[in-house]
Amino acid sequence: MRLVFWAGFWAFIVDQASKYLVVHALDLQDVQRIEVLPPFLNFHMAWNQGINFGLFADDSGVARWILIIIAFAISAFVYYWVQKDRPGKLGMVAAGLLIGGALGNVVDRLLYGAVADFLNMSCCGINNPYAFNVADISIFAGALGLAFWGGAKKQA
């Protein structure tokens, strides 16, 4: 279970450090947009009150708390599941990434009332209007990893 902890810990730390650096140190909340490697990578400030792509965004505090509870419930379920099924090392790392990313977005909702999204990537003439963050990458990588390596470790 140490792999779950350390993968989650580092996903959480990198997410929160990147958000602090970009939102506060680079003042993206006021500047709104910084071109890093145009058009491939830009920082574009977006406060996401909903889930992916702003779905279910609501200004009421109720939606915020429901999303916090859901993130905690999913994190607890994933932790319970990997503790019970004991997938291999890659499955444990994937679970940690998912949990760390989910908790990183929970902290944003608690501190700001919304998730701080700032990474914007476009390519090949396609202008992507959406932004995401390191926690979103961790959640996606963790979920994908669990789909591939989340089964129980085979006994010899």
C-alpha atoms as a PDB file:
ATOM      1  CA  MET A   1       0.000   0.000   0.000  1.00  0.00           C
ATOM      2  CA  ARG A   2       3.057   2.246   0.179  1.00  0.00           C
ATOM      3  CA  LEU A   3       2.965   2.608  -3.606  1.00  0.00           C
ATOM      4  CA  VAL A   4      -0.592   3.932  -3.408  1.00  0.00           C
ATOM      5  CA  PHE A   5       0.438   6.447  -0.748  1.00  0.00           C
ATOM      6  CA  TRP A   6       3.578   7.713  -2.502  1.00  0.00           C
ATOM      7  CA  ALA A   7       1.996   7.931  -5.962  1.00  0.00           C
ATOM      8  CA  GLY A   8      -0.951   9.808  -4.467  1.00  0.00           C
ATOM      9  CA  PHE A   9       1.293  12.015  -2.345  1.00  0.00           C
ATOM     10  CA  TRP A  10       3.450  13.111  -5.293  1.00  0.00           C
ATOM     11  CA  ALA A  11       0.467  13.587  -7.610  1.00  0.00           C
ATOM     12  CA  PHE A  12      -1.135  15.802  -4.961  1.00  0.00           C
ATOM     13  CA  ILE A  13       2.061  17.786  -4.249  1.00  0.00           C
ATOM     14  CA  VAL A  14       2.898  18.388  -7.926  1.00  0.00           C
ATOM     15  CA  ASP A  15      -0.700  19.430  -8.602  1.00  0.00           C
ATOM     16  CA  GLN A  16      -0.905  21.881  -5.717  1.00  0.00           C
ATOM     17  CA  ALA A  17       2.605  23.282  -6.346  1.00  0.00           C
ATOM     18  CA  SER A  18       1.857  23.826 -10.049  1.00  0.00           C
ATOM     19  CA  LYS A  19      -1.413  25.568  -9.217  1.00  0.00           C
ATOM     20  CA  TYR A  20       0.246  27.812  -6.653  1.00  0.00           C
ATOM     21  CA  LEU A  21       3.054  28.684  -9.047  1.00  0.00           C
ATOM     22  CA  VAL A  22       0.820  29.449 -12.005  1.00  0.00           C
ATOM     23  CA  VAL A  23      -2.184  31.009 -10.262  1.00  0.00           C
ATOM     24  CA  HIS A  24      -0.371  33.028  -7.606  1.00  0.00           C
ATOM     25  CA  ALA A  25       3.336  33.421  -8.493  1.00  0.00           C
ATOM     26  CA  LEU A  26       2.675  34.049 -12.202  1.00  0.00           C
ATOM     27  CA  ASP A  27      -0.595  35.833 -11.287  1.00  0.00           C
ATOM     28  CA  LEU A  28      -2.590  33.955 -13.912  1.00  0.00           C
ATOM     29  CA  GLN A  29      -5.828  34.768 -12.110  1.00  0.00           C
ATOM     30  CA  ASP A  30      -5.338  38.423 -13.145  1.00  0.00           C
ATOM     31  CA  VAL A  31      -3.320  37.987 -16.356  1.00  0.00           C
ATOM     32  CA  GLN A  32      -5.752  35.252 -17.563  1.00  0.00           C
ATOM     33  CA  ARG A  33      -3.495  33.934 -20.366  1.00  0.00           C
ATOM     34  CA  ILE A  34       0.225  33.245 -20.797  1.00  0.00           C
ATOM     35  CA  GLU A  35       1.581  31.831 -24.042  1.00  0.00           C
ATOM     36  CA  VAL A  36       4.191  29.224 -23.162  1.00  0.00           C
ATOM     37  CA  LEU A  37       4.799  27.283 -26.403  1.00  0.00           C
ATOM     38  CA  PRO A  38       2.094  28.593 -28.730  1.00  0.00           C
ATOM     39  CA  PRO A  39      -0.063  27.061 -30.050  1.00  0.00           C
ATOM     40  CA  PHE A  40       0.810  23.780 -28.348  1.00  0.00           C
ATOM     41  CA  LEU A  41       0.875  24.875 -24.701  1.00  0.00           C
ATOM     42  CA  ASN A  42      -0.663  27.936 -23.092  1.00  0.00           C
ATOM     43  CA  PHE A  43      -1.703  28.800 -19.568  1.00  0.00           C
ATOM     44  CA  HIS A  44      -5.328  29.885 -19.643  1.00  0.00           C
ATOM     45  CA  MET A  45      -7.061  30.551 -16.323  1.00  0.00           C
ATOM     46  CA  ALA A  46     -10.371  28.766 -15.909  1.00  0.00           C
ATOM     47  CA  TRP A  47     -12.245  28.262 -12.645  1.00  0.00           C
ATOM     48  CA  ASN A  48     -14.217  25.042 -13.056  1.00  0.00           C
ATOM     49  CA  GLN A  49     -17.160  24.795 -10.679  1.00  0.00           C
ATOM     50  CA  GLY A  50     -18.438  21.599 -12.273  1.00  0.00           C
ATOM     51  CA  ILE A  51     -16.863  18.372 -13.475  1.00  0.00           C
ATOM     52  CA  ASN A  52     -15.153  17.721 -16.822  1.00  0.00           C
ATOM     53  CA  PHE A  53     -15.561  20.571 -19.316  1.00  0.00           C
ATOM     54  CA  GLY A  54     -17.630  22.501 -16.763  1.00  0.00           C
ATOM     55  CA  LEU A  55     -20.518  20.032 -16.795  1.00  0.00           C
ATOM     56  CA  PHE A  56     -22.902  20.452 -13.866  1.00  0.00           C
ATOM     57  CA  ALA A  57     -21.339  23.810 -12.992  1.00  0.00           C
ATOM     58  CA  ASP A  58     -23.492  25.639 -10.510  1.00  0.00           C
ATOM     59  CA  ASP A  59     -22.860  28.783  -8.473  1.00  0.00           C
ATOM     60  CA  SER A  60     -24.607  27.287  -5.458  1.00  0.00           C
ATOM     61  CA  GLY A  61     -22.547  25.827  -2.658  1.00  0.00           C
ATOM     62  CA  VAL A  62     -24.621  22.654  -2.848  1.00  0.00           C
ATOM     63  CA  ALA A  63     -23.004  21.460  -6.089  1.00  0.00           C
ATOM     64  CA  ARG A  64     -19.561  22.231  -4.668  1.00  0.00           C
ATOM     65  CA  TRP A  65     -20.165  20.083  -1.592  1.00  0.00           C
ATOM     66  CA  ILE A  66     -21.756  17.279  -3.577  1.00  0.00           C
ATOM     67  CA  LEU A  67     -18.673  17.142  -5.836  1.00  0.00           C
ATOM     68  CA  ILE A  68     -16.382  17.138  -2.774  1.00  0.00           C
ATOM     69  CA  ILE A  69     -18.351  14.245  -1.240  1.00  0.00           C
ATOM     70  CA  ILE A  70     -18.276  12.325  -4.537  1.00  0.00           C
ATOM     71  CA  ALA A  71     -14.484  12.790  -4.831  1.00  0.00           C
ATOM     72  CA  PHE A  72     -13.974  11.538  -1.268  1.00  0.00           C
ATOM     73  CA  ALA A  73     -16.303   8.583  -1.880  1.00  0.00           C
ATOM     74  CA  ILE A  74     -14.521   7.577  -5.100  1.00  0.00           C
ATOM     75  CA  SER A  75     -11.115   7.927  -3.418  1.00  0.00           C
ATOM     76  CA  ALA A  76     -12.244   5.791  -0.479  1.00  0.00           C
ATOM     77  CA  PHE A  77     -13.722   3.164  -2.808  1.00  0.00           C
ATOM     78  CA  VAL A  78     -10.546   2.956  -4.920  1.00  0.00           C
ATOM     79  CA  TYR A  79      -8.402   2.655  -1.792  1.00  0.00           C
ATOM     80  CA  TYR A  80     -10.664  -0.073  -0.383  1.00  0.00           C
ATOM     81  CA  TRP A  81     -10.706  -1.874  -3.725  1.00  0.00           C
ATOM     82  CA  VAL A  82      -6.914  -1.999  -4.171  1.00  0.00           C
ATOM     83  CA  GLN A  83      -6.462  -2.948  -0.528  1.00  0.00           C
ATOM     84  CA  LYS A  84      -8.861  -5.865  -1.003  1.00  0.00           C
ATOM     85  CA  ASP A  85      -7.768  -7.021  -4.481  1.00  0.00           C
ATOM     86  CA  ARG A  86      -4.050  -6.161  -4.255  1.00  0.00           C
ATOM     87  CA  PRO A  87      -3.293  -5.447  -7.911  1.00  0.00           C
ATOM     88  CA  GLY A  88       0.329  -5.421  -9.042  1.00  0.00           C
ATOM     89  CA  LYS A  89       2.683  -2.470  -8.687  1.00  0.00           C
ATOM     90  CA  LEU A  90       1.331  -0.610 -11.722  1.00  0.00           C
ATOM     91  CA  GLY A  91      -2.230  -0.989 -10.420  1.00  0.00           C
ATOM     92  CA  MET A  92      -1.170   0.402  -7.043  1.00  0.00           C
ATOM     93  CA  VAL A  93       0.551   3.388  -8.677  1.00  0.00           C
ATOM     94  CA  ALA A  94      -2.519   3.991 -10.847  1.00  0.00           C
ATOM     95  CA  ALA A  95      -4.771   3.963  -7.765  1.00  0.00           C
ATOM     96  CA  GLY A  96      -2.468   6.436  -6.030  1.00  0.00           C
ATOM     97  CA  LEU A  97      -2.496   8.775  -9.037  1.00  0.00           C
ATOM     98  CA  LEU A  98      -6.290   8.730  -9.153  1.00  0.00           C
ATOM     99  CA  ILE A  99      -6.645   9.351  -5.416  1.00  0.00           C
ATOM    100  CA  GLY A 100      -3.967  12.074  -5.321  1.00  0.00           C
ATOM    101  CA  GLY A 101      -5.517  13.884  -8.271  1.00  0.00           C
ATOM    102  CA  ALA A 102      -9.019  13.687  -6.832  1.00  0.00           C
ATOM    103  CA  LEU A 103      -7.832  15.066  -3.498  1.00  0.00           C
ATOM    104  CA  GLY A 104      -5.925  17.842  -5.270  1.00  0.00           C
ATOM    105  CA  ASN A 105      -9.146  19.017  -6.892  1.00  0.00           C
ATOM    106  CA  VAL A 106     -10.965  18.696  -3.545  1.00  0.00           C
ATOM    107  CA  VAL A 107      -8.478  21.101  -1.981  1.00  0.00           C
ATOM    108  CA  ASP A 108      -9.201  23.601  -4.771  1.00  0.00           C
ATOM    109  CA  ARG A 109     -12.930  23.363  -4.139  1.00  0.00           C
ATOM    110  CA  LEU A 110     -12.359  23.902  -0.423  1.00  0.00           C
ATOM    111  CA  LEU A 111      -9.966  26.846  -0.899  1.00  0.00           C
ATOM    112  CA  TYR A 112     -11.427  28.588  -3.951  1.00  0.00           C
ATOM    113  CA  GLY A 113     -14.919  27.163  -4.405  1.00  0.00           C
ATOM    114  CA  ALA A 114     -13.853  25.863  -7.824  1.00  0.00           C
ATOM    115  CA  VAL A 115     -11.046  23.866  -9.430  1.00  0.00           C
ATOM    116  CA  ALA A 116      -8.158  25.904 -10.831  1.00  0.00           C
ATOM    117  CA  ASP A 117      -7.611  24.767 -14.426  1.00  0.00           C
ATOM    118  CA  PHE A 118      -4.817  26.392 -16.402  1.00  0.00           C
ATOM    119  CA  LEU A 119      -3.254  24.033 -18.957  1.00  0.00           C
ATOM    120  CA  ASN A 120      -4.509  24.582 -22.492  1.00  0.00           C
ATOM    121  CA  MET A 121      -3.170  22.595 -25.417  1.00  0.00           C
ATOM    122  CA  SER A 122      -3.983  22.981 -29.095  1.00  0.00           C
ATOM    123  CA  CYS A 123      -2.489  21.493 -32.220  1.00  0.00           C
ATOM    124  CA  CYS A 124      -2.734  21.207 -35.930  1.00  0.00           C
ATOM    125  CA  GLY A 125      -5.218  24.021 -36.535  1.00  0.00           C
ATOM    126  CA  ILE A 126      -7.610  22.799 -33.837  1.00  0.00           C
ATOM    127  CA  ASN A 127      -8.186  25.434 -31.154  1.00  0.00           C
ATOM    128  CA  ASN A 128      -8.993  23.703 -27.866  1.00  0.00           C
ATOM    129  CA  PRO A 129     -11.147  26.019 -25.711  1.00  0.00           C
ATOM    130  CA  TYR A 130     -10.809  23.877 -22.560  1.00  0.00           C
ATOM    131  CA  ALA A 131      -8.257  23.967 -19.758  1.00  0.00           C
ATOM    132  CA  PHE A 132      -7.196  21.280 -17.304  1.00  0.00           C
ATOM    133  CA  ASN A 133      -4.635  20.789 -14.533  1.00  0.00           C
ATOM    134  CA  VAL A 134      -2.119  18.273 -13.190  1.00  0.00           C
ATOM    135  CA  ALA A 135      -4.783  16.666 -10.964  1.00  0.00           C
ATOM    136  CA  ASP A 136      -6.913  15.999 -14.053  1.00  0.00           C
ATOM    137  CA  ILE A 137      -3.927  14.344 -15.741  1.00  0.00           C
ATOM    138  CA  SER A 138      -3.353  12.203 -12.630  1.00  0.00           C
ATOM    139  CA  ILE A 139      -7.017  11.190 -12.451  1.00  0.00           C
ATOM    140  CA  PHE A 140      -7.073  10.255 -16.141  1.00  0.00           C
ATOM    141  CA  ALA A 141      -3.764   8.351 -15.965  1.00  0.00           C
ATOM    142  CA  GLY A 142      -4.885   6.596 -12.780  1.00  0.00           C
ATOM    143  CA  ALA A 143      -8.241   5.545 -14.211  1.00  0.00           C
ATOM    144  CA  LEU A 144      -6.602   4.331 -17.423  1.00  0.00           C
ATOM    145  CA  GLY A 145      -3.949   2.497 -15.417  1.00  0.00           C
ATOM    146  CA  LEU A 146      -6.573   0.801 -13.273  1.00  0.00           C
ATOM    147  CA  ALA A 147      -8.405  -0.305 -16.422  1.00  0.00           C
ATOM    148  CA  PHE A 148      -5.217  -2.003 -17.651  1.00  0.00           C
ATOM    149  CA  TRP A 149      -3.532  -3.109 -14.417  1.00  0.00           C
ATOM    150  CA  GLY A 150      -6.272  -2.981 -11.782  1.00  0.00           C
ATOM    151  CA  GLY A 151      -6.977  -6.705 -11.676  1.00  0.00           C
ATOM    152  CA  ALA A 152      -5.848  -8.849  -8.773  1.00  0.00           C
ATOM    153  CA  LYS A 153      -2.229  -9.910  -8.790  1.00  0.00           C
ATOM    154  CA  LYS A 154      -1.916 -13.463 -10.073  1.00  0.00           C
ATOM    155  CA  GLN A 155      -0.645 -15.965  -7.502  1.00  0.00           C
ATOM    156  CA  ALA A 156       2.109 -18.337  -8.643  1.00  0.00           C
END
